[in-house]
Amino acid sequence: MAEPLVAQRSPCVVELAAGDYWWCRCGQSRRQPFCDGSHKVAGEFTPVRFSVSEPQKLWLCGCKQSTNAPFCDGSHKKITS
């Protein structure tokens, strides 16, 4: 797999407590937008670790095309197929 799978064509809106999180980069996780270890089968992707310092609502990338991963940058609007 050279490109990640598009998990969804919109951002994942999540409310997170302070702590460390792992965002799924491969698109195969069943716990989107978070990693469940599925990348180990794909072998080409590793999850992105990010930290939240205080509780907040975030828009995480669901299409796996963001240039600002794990955060949505609107790339899902450019997906045609």
C-alpha atoms as a PDB file:
ATOM      1  CA  MET A   1       0.000   0.000   0.000  1.00  0.00           C
ATOM      2  CA  ALA A   2       1.716   3.194  -1.172  1.00  0.00           C
ATOM      3  CA  GLU A   3      -1.073   5.554  -0.151  1.00  0.00           C
ATOM      4  CA  PRO A   4      -3.108   5.477   3.045  1.00  0.00           C
ATOM      5  CA  LEU A   5      -6.756   4.465   2.840  1.00  0.00           C
ATOM      6  CA  VAL A   6      -9.282   7.268   3.076  1.00  0.00           C
ATOM      7  CA  ALA A   7     -11.078   6.450   6.331  1.00  0.00           C
ATOM      8  CA  GLN A   8     -13.681   9.192   5.806  1.00  0.00           C
ATOM      9  CA  ARG A   9     -14.088  12.307   3.681  1.00  0.00           C
ATOM     10  CA  SER A  10     -14.538  14.692   6.547  1.00  0.00           C
ATOM     11  CA  PRO A  11     -12.674  15.559   9.731  1.00  0.00           C
ATOM     12  CA  CYS A  12     -13.165  13.566  12.911  1.00  0.00           C
ATOM     13  CA  VAL A  13     -14.380  15.959  15.584  1.00  0.00           C
ATOM     14  CA  VAL A  14     -13.215  14.718  18.982  1.00  0.00           C
ATOM     15  CA  GLU A  15     -13.192  16.087  22.508  1.00  0.00           C
ATOM     16  CA  LEU A  16      -9.999  14.982  24.194  1.00  0.00           C
ATOM     17  CA  ALA A  17      -8.716  15.124  27.737  1.00  0.00           C
ATOM     18  CA  ALA A  18      -5.120  16.132  28.415  1.00  0.00           C
ATOM     19  CA  GLY A  19      -2.734  13.350  27.452  1.00  0.00           C
ATOM     20  CA  ASP A  20      -0.912  11.605  24.618  1.00  0.00           C
ATOM     21  CA  TYR A  21      -2.706  10.147  21.611  1.00  0.00           C
ATOM     22  CA  TRP A  22      -1.762   8.182  18.488  1.00  0.00           C
ATOM     23  CA  TRP A  23      -3.467   9.229  15.238  1.00  0.00           C
ATOM     24  CA  CYS A  24      -3.946   6.535  12.591  1.00  0.00           C
ATOM     25  CA  ARG A  25      -1.937   7.331   9.461  1.00  0.00           C
ATOM     26  CA  CYS A  26      -2.691   4.197   7.425  1.00  0.00           C
ATOM     27  CA  GLY A  27      -6.490   4.572   7.379  1.00  0.00           C
ATOM     28  CA  GLN A  28      -7.107   0.950   8.381  1.00  0.00           C
ATOM     29  CA  SER A  29      -7.809   1.393  12.093  1.00  0.00           C
ATOM     30  CA  ARG A  30     -11.267   0.421  13.290  1.00  0.00           C
ATOM     31  CA  ARG A  31     -10.909   3.040  16.036  1.00  0.00           C
ATOM     32  CA  GLN A  32     -10.664   6.064  13.710  1.00  0.00           C
ATOM     33  CA  PRO A  33      -9.131   8.540  14.016  1.00  0.00           C
ATOM     34  CA  PHE A  34      -6.913   6.725  16.521  1.00  0.00           C
ATOM     35  CA  CYS A  35      -4.457   3.891  15.920  1.00  0.00           C
ATOM     36  CA  ASP A  36      -5.431   0.317  16.774  1.00  0.00           C
ATOM     37  CA  GLY A  37      -2.258  -1.328  15.457  1.00  0.00           C
ATOM     38  CA  SER A  38      -3.604  -2.085  11.963  1.00  0.00           C
ATOM     39  CA  HIS A  39      -0.562  -0.394  10.416  1.00  0.00           C
ATOM     40  CA  LYS A  40       1.496  -3.405  11.425  1.00  0.00           C
ATOM     41  CA  VAL A  41      -0.220  -5.385   8.656  1.00  0.00           C
ATOM     42  CA  ALA A  42       0.179  -2.584   6.084  1.00  0.00           C
ATOM     43  CA  GLY A  43       3.800  -2.140   7.128  1.00  0.00           C
ATOM     44  CA  GLU A  44       4.349   1.194   5.385  1.00  0.00           C
ATOM     45  CA  PHE A  45       2.867   3.603   7.889  1.00  0.00           C
ATOM     46  CA  THR A  46       3.417   4.515  11.496  1.00  0.00           C
ATOM     47  CA  PRO A  47       0.938   6.410  13.668  1.00  0.00           C
ATOM     48  CA  VAL A  48       1.468  10.058  14.580  1.00  0.00           C
ATOM     49  CA  ARG A  49       1.853  10.802  18.272  1.00  0.00           C
ATOM     50  CA  PHE A  50       0.427  14.076  19.536  1.00  0.00           C
ATOM     51  CA  SER A  51      -0.218  15.572  22.943  1.00  0.00           C
ATOM     52  CA  VAL A  52      -3.078  17.613  24.337  1.00  0.00           C
ATOM     53  CA  SER A  53      -2.176  19.889  27.259  1.00  0.00           C
ATOM     54  CA  GLU A  54      -5.736  20.687  28.325  1.00  0.00           C
ATOM     55  CA  PRO A  55      -9.204  19.343  27.472  1.00  0.00           C
ATOM     56  CA  GLN A  56     -10.309  20.576  24.059  1.00  0.00           C
ATOM     57  CA  LYS A  57     -12.277  19.860  20.903  1.00  0.00           C
ATOM     58  CA  LEU A  58     -10.117  19.057  17.871  1.00  0.00           C
ATOM     59  CA  TRP A  59     -10.729  18.367  14.186  1.00  0.00           C
ATOM     60  CA  LEU A  60      -8.493  15.445  13.246  1.00  0.00           C
ATOM     61  CA  CYS A  61      -7.892  14.402   9.653  1.00  0.00           C
ATOM     62  CA  GLY A  62     -10.141  11.554   8.508  1.00  0.00           C
ATOM     63  CA  CYS A  63      -8.981  11.364   4.883  1.00  0.00           C
ATOM     64  CA  LYS A  64      -5.284  10.833   5.793  1.00  0.00           C
ATOM     65  CA  GLN A  65      -4.203  13.427   3.202  1.00  0.00           C
ATOM     66  CA  SER A  66      -3.578  16.420   5.516  1.00  0.00           C
ATOM     67  CA  THR A  67      -0.236  18.201   5.276  1.00  0.00           C
ATOM     68  CA  ASN A  68      -0.755  19.193   8.929  1.00  0.00           C
ATOM     69  CA  ALA A  69      -1.365  15.714  10.362  1.00  0.00           C
ATOM     70  CA  PRO A  70      -2.991  14.786  12.600  1.00  0.00           C
ATOM     71  CA  PHE A  71      -5.085  17.932  12.185  1.00  0.00           C
ATOM     72  CA  CYS A  72      -7.526  18.536   9.336  1.00  0.00           C
ATOM     73  CA  ASP A  73      -6.333  21.066   6.749  1.00  0.00           C
ATOM     74  CA  GLY A  74      -9.273  20.709   4.343  1.00  0.00           C
ATOM     75  CA  SER A  75      -7.534  18.201   2.055  1.00  0.00           C
ATOM     76  CA  HIS A  76     -10.687  16.046   2.066  1.00  0.00           C
ATOM     77  CA  LYS A  77     -12.333  18.672  -0.154  1.00  0.00           C
ATOM     78  CA  LYS A  78      -9.859  17.813  -2.953  1.00  0.00           C
ATOM     79  CA  ILE A  79     -10.563  14.067  -3.025  1.00  0.00           C
ATOM     80  CA  THR A  80     -12.343  13.146  -6.265  1.00  0.00           C
ATOM     81  CA  SER A  81     -12.593   9.350  -6.214  1.00  0.00           C
END
